[in-house]
Amino acid sequence: MGPLVYLGLMLVAAFLLQGLFGFIQIKNFSENYRIMRQQGRVLIGKNPKRFQSGTLLLLAIDQDGNIEEARIMKRGNSFCEI
């Protein structure tokens, strides 16, 4: 087999790996959102000036607008509570 075949196989493997990691990330986000949604309304946002690229912030708020719980999803990490 030539070098182009190996390159093609590496590209296909990288594409499949990226899809798998994307699926895991979406599953993690959905689970955290579901847990926080049980507490009330959830705000989802990102602020590129305050957080690094690829960071999401989830805020669970009560009826009065007070923050009950906050979680940050960072690149390379799963959610962490703040």
PDB file of N, CA and C in Angstrom:
ATOM      1  N   MET A   1       0.851  -1.178   0.000  1.00  0.00           N
ATOM      2  CA  MET A   1       0.000   0.000   0.000  1.00  0.00           C
ATOM      3  C   MET A   1       0.894   1.238   0.000  1.00  0.00           C
ATOM      4  N   GLY A   2       0.425   2.219  -0.732  1.00  0.00           N
ATOM      5  CA  GLY A   2       1.196   3.436  -0.863  1.00  0.00           C
ATOM      6  C   GLY A   2       0.941   4.427   0.257  1.00  0.00           C
ATOM      7  N   PRO A   3       1.699   5.486   0.273  1.00  0.00           N
ATOM      8  CA  PRO A   3       1.548   6.499   1.329  1.00  0.00           C
ATOM      9  C   PRO A   3       0.200   7.220   1.265  1.00  0.00           C
ATOM     10  N   LEU A   4      -0.408   7.296   0.090  1.00  0.00           N
ATOM     11  CA  LEU A   4      -1.715   7.958  -0.016  1.00  0.00           C
ATOM     12  C   LEU A   4      -2.808   7.149   0.674  1.00  0.00           C
ATOM     13  N   VAL A   5      -2.678   5.840   0.636  1.00  0.00           N
ATOM     14  CA  VAL A   5      -3.659   4.991   1.323  1.00  0.00           C
ATOM     15  C   VAL A   5      -3.555   5.206   2.831  1.00  0.00           C
ATOM     16  N   TYR A   6      -2.332   5.240   3.344  1.00  0.00           N
ATOM     17  CA  TYR A   6      -2.141   5.491   4.777  1.00  0.00           C
ATOM     18  C   TYR A   6      -2.663   6.877   5.176  1.00  0.00           C
ATOM     19  N   LEU A   7      -2.414   7.843   4.343  1.00  0.00           N
ATOM     20  CA  LEU A   7      -2.921   9.194   4.612  1.00  0.00           C
ATOM     21  C   LEU A   7      -4.439   9.197   4.619  1.00  0.00           C
ATOM     22  N   GLY A   8      -5.037   8.498   3.668  1.00  0.00           N
ATOM     23  CA  GLY A   8      -6.497   8.406   3.617  1.00  0.00           C
ATOM     24  C   GLY A   8      -7.063   7.722   4.842  1.00  0.00           C
ATOM     25  N   LEU A   9      -6.428   6.641   5.277  1.00  0.00           N
ATOM     26  CA  LEU A   9      -6.892   5.934   6.475  1.00  0.00           C
ATOM     27  C   LEU A   9      -6.762   6.803   7.723  1.00  0.00           C
ATOM     28  N   MET A  10      -5.679   7.568   7.799  1.00  0.00           N
ATOM     29  CA  MET A  10      -5.506   8.469   8.940  1.00  0.00           C
ATOM     30  C   MET A  10      -6.576   9.560   8.943  1.00  0.00           C
ATOM     31  N   LEU A  11      -6.916  10.089   7.791  1.00  0.00           N
ATOM     32  CA  LEU A  11      -7.953  11.116   7.717  1.00  0.00           C
ATOM     33  C   LEU A  11      -9.311  10.561   8.110  1.00  0.00           C
ATOM     34  N   VAL A  12      -9.624   9.363   7.653  1.00  0.00           N
ATOM     35  CA  VAL A  12     -10.898   8.731   8.016  1.00  0.00           C
ATOM     36  C   VAL A  12     -10.943   8.473   9.518  1.00  0.00           C
ATOM     37  N   ALA A  13      -9.841   7.968  10.091  1.00  0.00           N
ATOM     38  CA  ALA A  13      -9.788   7.713  11.533  1.00  0.00           C
ATOM     39  C   ALA A  13      -9.954   9.011  12.324  1.00  0.00           C
ATOM     40  N   ALA A  14      -9.313  10.083  11.879  1.00  0.00           N
ATOM     41  CA  ALA A  14      -9.436  11.375  12.566  1.00  0.00           C
ATOM     42  C   ALA A  14     -10.867  11.890  12.493  1.00  0.00           C
ATOM     43  N   PHE A  15     -11.511  11.719  11.354  1.00  0.00           N
ATOM     44  CA  PHE A  15     -12.899  12.156  11.181  1.00  0.00           C
ATOM     45  C   PHE A  15     -13.824  11.377  12.115  1.00  0.00           C
ATOM     46  N   LEU A  16     -13.641  10.056  12.197  1.00  0.00           N
ATOM     47  CA  LEU A  16     -14.472   9.237  13.081  1.00  0.00           C
ATOM     48  C   LEU A  16     -14.227   9.572  14.547  1.00  0.00           C
ATOM     49  N   LEU A  17     -12.989   9.822  14.908  1.00  0.00           N
ATOM     50  CA  LEU A  17     -12.655  10.192  16.281  1.00  0.00           C
ATOM     51  C   LEU A  17     -13.280  11.537  16.654  1.00  0.00           C
ATOM     52  N   GLN A  18     -13.253  12.476  15.735  1.00  0.00           N
ATOM     53  CA  GLN A  18     -13.865  13.776  15.979  1.00  0.00           C
ATOM     54  C   GLN A  18     -15.373  13.627  16.181  1.00  0.00           C
ATOM     55  N   GLY A  19     -16.005  12.781  15.396  1.00  0.00           N
ATOM     56  CA  GLY A  19     -17.430  12.530  15.561  1.00  0.00           C
ATOM     57  C   GLY A  19     -17.751  11.904  16.899  1.00  0.00           C
ATOM     58  N   LEU A  20     -16.928  10.969  17.340  1.00  0.00           N
ATOM     59  CA  LEU A  20     -17.125  10.324  18.636  1.00  0.00           C
ATOM     60  C   LEU A  20     -16.985  11.327  19.778  1.00  0.00           C
ATOM     61  N   PHE A  21     -15.940  12.148  19.727  1.00  0.00           N
ATOM     62  CA  PHE A  21     -15.751  13.152  20.780  1.00  0.00           C
ATOM     63  C   PHE A  21     -16.881  14.188  20.780  1.00  0.00           C
ATOM     64  N   GLY A  22     -17.373  14.563  19.611  1.00  0.00           N
ATOM     65  CA  GLY A  22     -18.504  15.483  19.531  1.00  0.00           C
ATOM     66  C   GLY A  22     -19.750  14.887  20.160  1.00  0.00           C
ATOM     67  N   PHE A  23     -19.980  13.608  19.909  1.00  0.00           N
ATOM     68  CA  PHE A  23     -21.133  12.918  20.498  1.00  0.00           C
ATOM     69  C   PHE A  23     -21.025  12.891  22.019  1.00  0.00           C
ATOM     70  N   ILE A  24     -19.840  12.590  22.535  1.00  0.00           N
ATOM     71  CA  ILE A  24     -19.636  12.559  23.983  1.00  0.00           C
ATOM     72  C   ILE A  24     -19.852  13.948  24.585  1.00  0.00           C
ATOM     73  N   GLN A  25     -19.382  14.977  23.902  1.00  0.00           N
ATOM     74  CA  GLN A  25     -19.549  16.345  24.398  1.00  0.00           C
ATOM     75  C   GLN A  25     -21.022  16.743  24.441  1.00  0.00           C
ATOM     76  N   ILE A  26     -21.773  16.421  23.408  1.00  0.00           N
ATOM     77  CA  ILE A  26     -23.202  16.750  23.376  1.00  0.00           C
ATOM     78  C   ILE A  26     -23.946  15.980  24.452  1.00  0.00           C
ATOM     79  N   LYS A  27     -23.590  14.719  24.663  1.00  0.00           N
ATOM     80  CA  LYS A  27     -24.219  13.914  25.699  1.00  0.00           C
ATOM     81  C   LYS A  27     -23.952  14.518  27.075  1.00  0.00           C
ATOM     82  N   ASN A  28     -22.726  14.952  27.333  1.00  0.00           N
ATOM     83  CA  ASN A  28     -22.356  15.580  28.603  1.00  0.00           C
ATOM     84  C   ASN A  28     -23.138  16.877  28.807  1.00  0.00           C
ATOM     85  N   PHE A  29     -23.221  17.701  27.771  1.00  0.00           N
ATOM     86  CA  PHE A  29     -23.964  18.952  27.868  1.00  0.00           C
ATOM     87  C   PHE A  29     -25.437  18.681  28.167  1.00  0.00           C
ATOM     88  N   SER A  30     -26.036  17.733  27.457  1.00  0.00           N
ATOM     89  CA  SER A  30     -27.454  17.429  27.648  1.00  0.00           C
ATOM     90  C   SER A  30     -27.742  16.939  29.060  1.00  0.00           C
ATOM     91  N   GLU A  31     -26.867  16.112  29.596  1.00  0.00           N
ATOM     92  CA  GLU A  31     -27.054  15.604  30.950  1.00  0.00           C
ATOM     93  C   GLU A  31     -26.982  16.738  31.978  1.00  0.00           C
ATOM     94  N   ASN A  32     -25.999  17.600  31.860  1.00  0.00           N
ATOM     95  CA  ASN A  32     -25.882  18.731  32.790  1.00  0.00           C
ATOM     96  C   ASN A  32     -27.046  19.697  32.647  1.00  0.00           C
ATOM     97  N   TYR A  33     -27.482  19.946  31.430  1.00  0.00           N
ATOM     98  CA  TYR A  33     -28.627  20.826  31.212  1.00  0.00           C
ATOM     99  C   TYR A  33     -29.885  20.236  31.847  1.00  0.00           C
ATOM    100  N   ARG A  34     -30.093  18.930  31.681  1.00  0.00           N
ATOM    101  CA  ARG A  34     -31.273  18.269  32.240  1.00  0.00           C
ATOM    102  C   ARG A  34     -31.272  18.369  33.763  1.00  0.00           C
ATOM    103  N   ILE A  35     -30.117  18.145  34.384  1.00  0.00           N
ATOM    104  CA  ILE A  35     -30.016  18.217  35.844  1.00  0.00           C
ATOM    105  C   ILE A  35     -30.320  19.631  36.334  1.00  0.00           C
ATOM    106  N   MET A  36     -29.757  20.619  35.668  1.00  0.00           N
ATOM    107  CA  MET A  36     -29.987  22.007  36.090  1.00  0.00           C
ATOM    108  C   MET A  36     -31.414  22.459  35.789  1.00  0.00           C
ATOM    109  N   ARG A  37     -32.008  21.928  34.737  1.00  0.00           N
ATOM    110  CA  ARG A  37     -33.367  22.313  34.345  1.00  0.00           C
ATOM    111  C   ARG A  37     -34.380  21.897  35.406  1.00  0.00           C
ATOM    112  N   GLN A  38     -34.069  20.873  36.168  1.00  0.00           N
ATOM    113  CA  GLN A  38     -34.965  20.431  37.239  1.00  0.00           C
ATOM    114  C   GLN A  38     -35.065  21.477  38.349  1.00  0.00           C
ATOM    115  N   GLN A  39     -34.090  22.372  38.445  1.00  0.00           N
ATOM    116  CA  GLN A  39     -34.103  23.422  39.462  1.00  0.00           C
ATOM    117  C   GLN A  39     -34.891  24.654  39.025  1.00  0.00           C
ATOM    118  N   GLY A  40     -35.161  24.780  37.744  1.00  0.00           N
ATOM    119  CA  GLY A  40     -35.874  25.954  37.230  1.00  0.00           C
ATOM    120  C   GLY A  40     -35.341  26.349  35.869  1.00  0.00           C
ATOM    121  N   ARG A  41     -35.406  27.639  35.593  1.00  0.00           N
ATOM    122  CA  ARG A  41     -34.925  28.126  34.301  1.00  0.00           C
ATOM    123  C   ARG A  41     -33.412  28.053  34.220  1.00  0.00           C
ATOM    124  N   VAL A  42     -32.908  27.830  33.013  1.00  0.00           N
ATOM    125  CA  VAL A  42     -31.467  27.743  32.794  1.00  0.00           C
ATOM    126  C   VAL A  42     -31.088  28.715  31.692  1.00  0.00           C
ATOM    127  N   LEU A  43     -30.107  29.540  31.977  1.00  0.00           N
ATOM    128  CA  LEU A  43     -29.567  30.444  30.973  1.00  0.00           C
ATOM    129  C   LEU A  43     -28.266  29.851  30.444  1.00  0.00           C
ATOM    130  N   ILE A  44     -28.081  29.910  29.141  1.00  0.00           N
ATOM    131  CA  ILE A  44     -26.872  29.395  28.516  1.00  0.00           C
ATOM    132  C   ILE A  44     -26.237  30.545  27.761  1.00  0.00           C
ATOM    133  N   GLY A  45     -24.954  30.734  27.964  1.00  0.00           N
ATOM    134  CA  GLY A  45     -24.307  31.830  27.266  1.00  0.00           C
ATOM    135  C   GLY A  45     -22.812  31.652  27.179  1.00  0.00           C
ATOM    136  N   LYS A  46     -22.242  32.534  26.411  1.00  0.00           N
ATOM    137  CA  LYS A  46     -20.782  32.591  26.317  1.00  0.00           C
ATOM    138  C   LYS A  46     -20.408  34.052  26.169  1.00  0.00           C
ATOM    139  N   ASN A  47     -19.286  34.398  26.733  1.00  0.00           N
ATOM    140  CA  ASN A  47     -18.790  35.752  26.646  1.00  0.00           C
ATOM    141  C   ASN A  47     -17.322  35.668  26.255  1.00  0.00           C
ATOM    142  N   PRO A  48     -17.010  35.883  24.992  1.00  0.00           N
ATOM    143  CA  PRO A  48     -15.619  35.718  24.562  1.00  0.00           C
ATOM    144  C   PRO A  48     -14.642  36.678  25.246  1.00  0.00           C
ATOM    145  N   LYS A  49     -15.132  37.761  25.826  1.00  0.00           N
ATOM    146  CA  LYS A  49     -14.239  38.699  26.503  1.00  0.00           C
ATOM    147  C   LYS A  49     -13.839  38.191  27.891  1.00  0.00           C
ATOM    148  N   ARG A  50     -14.718  37.406  28.530  1.00  0.00           N
ATOM    149  CA  ARG A  50     -14.458  36.941  29.891  1.00  0.00           C
ATOM    150  C   ARG A  50     -13.931  35.509  29.957  1.00  0.00           C
ATOM    151  N   PHE A  51     -14.276  34.701  28.970  1.00  0.00           N
ATOM    152  CA  PHE A  51     -13.876  33.300  28.969  1.00  0.00           C
ATOM    153  C   PHE A  51     -13.089  33.015  27.707  1.00  0.00           C
ATOM    154  N   GLN A  52     -12.293  31.959  27.749  1.00  0.00           N
ATOM    155  CA  GLN A  52     -11.549  31.588  26.556  1.00  0.00           C
ATOM    156  C   GLN A  52     -12.484  30.973  25.520  1.00  0.00           C
ATOM    157  N   SER A  53     -12.030  30.897  24.306  1.00  0.00           N
ATOM    158  CA  SER A  53     -12.829  30.373  23.211  1.00  0.00           C
ATOM    159  C   SER A  53     -13.260  28.944  23.516  1.00  0.00           C
ATOM    160  N   GLY A  54     -14.505  28.622  23.199  1.00  0.00           N
ATOM    161  CA  GLY A  54     -15.013  27.279  23.411  1.00  0.00           C
ATOM    162  C   GLY A  54     -15.574  27.039  24.794  1.00  0.00           C
ATOM    163  N   THR A  55     -15.846  28.093  25.561  1.00  0.00           N
ATOM    164  CA  THR A  55     -16.368  27.956  26.918  1.00  0.00           C
ATOM    165  C   THR A  55     -17.846  28.328  26.950  1.00  0.00           C
ATOM    166  N   LEU A  56     -18.654  27.478  27.599  1.00  0.00           N
ATOM    167  CA  LEU A  56     -20.074  27.753  27.797  1.00  0.00           C
ATOM    168  C   LEU A  56     -20.354  27.911  29.282  1.00  0.00           C
ATOM    169  N   LEU A  57     -21.320  28.752  29.606  1.00  0.00           N
ATOM    170  CA  LEU A  57     -21.725  28.992  30.983  1.00  0.00           C
ATOM    171  C   LEU A  57     -23.206  28.667  31.105  1.00  0.00           C
ATOM    172  N   LEU A  58     -23.575  27.840  32.080  1.00  0.00           N
ATOM    173  CA  LEU A  58     -24.971  27.527  32.365  1.00  0.00           C
ATOM    174  C   LEU A  58     -25.311  28.081  33.736  1.00  0.00           C
ATOM    175  N   LEU A  59     -26.397  28.825  33.829  1.00  0.00           N
ATOM    176  CA  LEU A  59     -26.861  29.393  35.096  1.00  0.00           C
ATOM    177  C   LEU A  59     -28.282  28.914  35.366  1.00  0.00           C
ATOM    178  N   ALA A  60     -28.500  28.294  36.516  1.00  0.00           N
ATOM    179  CA  ALA A  60     -29.844  27.925  36.957  1.00  0.00           C
ATOM    180  C   ALA A  60     -30.348  29.071  37.826  1.00  0.00           C
ATOM    181  N   ILE A  61     -31.498  29.637  37.464  1.00  0.00           N
ATOM    182  CA  ILE A  61     -32.032  30.781  38.214  1.00  0.00           C
ATOM    183  C   ILE A  61     -33.420  30.448  38.745  1.00  0.00           C
ATOM    184  N   ASP A  62     -33.760  31.068  39.877  1.00  0.00           N
ATOM    185  CA  ASP A  62     -35.075  30.863  40.466  1.00  0.00           C
ATOM    186  C   ASP A  62     -36.061  31.894  39.913  1.00  0.00           C
ATOM    187  N   GLN A  63     -37.263  31.907  40.465  1.00  0.00           N
ATOM    188  CA  GLN A  63     -38.317  32.797  39.978  1.00  0.00           C
ATOM    189  C   GLN A  63     -37.983  34.272  40.161  1.00  0.00           C
ATOM    190  N   ASP A  64     -37.148  34.587  41.169  1.00  0.00           N
ATOM    191  CA  ASP A  64     -36.778  35.977  41.440  1.00  0.00           C
ATOM    192  C   ASP A  64     -35.546  36.422  40.663  1.00  0.00           C
ATOM    193  N   GLY A  65     -34.970  35.520  39.879  1.00  0.00           N
ATOM    194  CA  GLY A  65     -33.791  35.864  39.093  1.00  0.00           C
ATOM    195  C   GLY A  65     -32.482  35.664  39.821  1.00  0.00           C
ATOM    196  N   ASN A  66     -32.526  34.992  40.988  1.00  0.00           N
ATOM    197  CA  ASN A  66     -31.310  34.706  41.732  1.00  0.00           C
ATOM    198  C   ASN A  66     -30.633  33.452  41.172  1.00  0.00           C
ATOM    199  N   ILE A  67     -29.330  33.475  41.124  1.00  0.00           N
ATOM    200  CA  ILE A  67     -28.579  32.332  40.602  1.00  0.00           C
ATOM    201  C   ILE A  67     -28.538  31.241  41.668  1.00  0.00           C
ATOM    202  N   GLU A  68     -29.060  30.069  41.321  1.00  0.00           N
ATOM    203  CA  GLU A  68     -29.054  28.916  42.216  1.00  0.00           C
ATOM    204  C   GLU A  68     -27.806  28.070  42.022  1.00  0.00           C
ATOM    205  N   GLU A  69     -27.389  27.914  40.769  1.00  0.00           N
ATOM    206  CA  GLU A  69     -26.225  27.090  40.466  1.00  0.00           C
ATOM    207  C   GLU A  69     -25.615  27.578  39.158  1.00  0.00           C
ATOM    208  N   ALA A  70     -24.298  27.460  39.054  1.00  0.00           N
ATOM    209  CA  ALA A  70     -23.596  27.836  37.825  1.00  0.00           C
ATOM    210  C   ALA A  70     -22.609  26.734  37.468  1.00  0.00           C
ATOM    211  N   ARG A  71     -22.516  26.441  36.175  1.00  0.00           N
ATOM    212  CA  ARG A  71     -21.556  25.454  35.679  1.00  0.00           C
ATOM    213  C   ARG A  71     -20.882  26.002  34.436  1.00  0.00           C
ATOM    214  N   ILE A  72     -19.612  25.680  34.301  1.00  0.00           N
ATOM    215  CA  ILE A  72     -18.835  26.110  33.141  1.00  0.00           C
ATOM    216  C   ILE A  72     -18.368  24.876  32.395  1.00  0.00           C
ATOM    217  N   MET A  73     -18.531  24.900  31.082  1.00  0.00           N
ATOM    218  CA  MET A  73     -18.018  23.836  30.229  1.00  0.00           C
ATOM    219  C   MET A  73     -16.837  24.408  29.461  1.00  0.00           C
ATOM    220  N   LYS A  74     -15.635  23.878  29.755  1.00  0.00           N
ATOM    221  CA  LYS A  74     -14.424  24.375  29.117  1.00  0.00           C
ATOM    222  C   LYS A  74     -13.895  23.352  28.122  1.00  0.00           C
ATOM    223  N   ARG A  75     -13.116  23.845  27.195  1.00  0.00           N
ATOM    224  CA  ARG A  75     -12.468  22.956  26.254  1.00  0.00           C
ATOM    225  C   ARG A  75     -11.493  22.074  27.018  1.00  0.00           C
ATOM    226  N   GLY A  76     -11.567  20.766  26.786  1.00  0.00           N
ATOM    227  CA  GLY A  76     -10.667  19.837  27.446  1.00  0.00           C
ATOM    228  C   GLY A  76     -11.174  19.333  28.785  1.00  0.00           C
ATOM    229  N   ASN A  77     -12.236  19.923  29.317  1.00  0.00           N
ATOM    230  CA  ASN A  77     -12.795  19.489  30.601  1.00  0.00           C
ATOM    231  C   ASN A  77     -14.282  19.229  30.418  1.00  0.00           C
ATOM    232  N   SER A  78     -14.828  18.504  31.342  1.00  0.00           N
ATOM    233  CA  SER A  78     -16.266  18.405  31.386  1.00  0.00           C
ATOM    234  C   SER A  78     -16.764  19.591  32.214  1.00  0.00           C
ATOM    235  N   PHE A  79     -18.023  19.580  32.566  1.00  0.00           N
ATOM    236  CA  PHE A  79     -18.566  20.688  33.337  1.00  0.00           C
ATOM    237  C   PHE A  79     -17.967  20.714  34.725  1.00  0.00           C
ATOM    238  N   CYS A  80     -17.777  21.915  35.233  1.00  0.00           N
ATOM    239  CA  CYS A  80     -17.367  22.078  36.622  1.00  0.00           C
ATOM    240  C   CYS A  80     -18.296  23.100  37.257  1.00  0.00           C
ATOM    241  N   GLU A  81     -18.642  22.851  38.509  1.00  0.00           N
ATOM    242  CA  GLU A  81     -19.520  23.774  39.231  1.00  0.00           C
ATOM    243  C   GLU A  81     -18.680  24.915  39.767  1.00  0.00           C
ATOM    244  N   ILE A  82     -19.292  26.110  39.746  1.00  0.00           N
ATOM    245  CA  ILE A  82     -18.607  27.276  40.306  1.00  0.00           C
ATOM    246  C   ILE A  82     -19.471  27.889  41.386  1.00  0.00           C
TER     247      ILE A  82
END
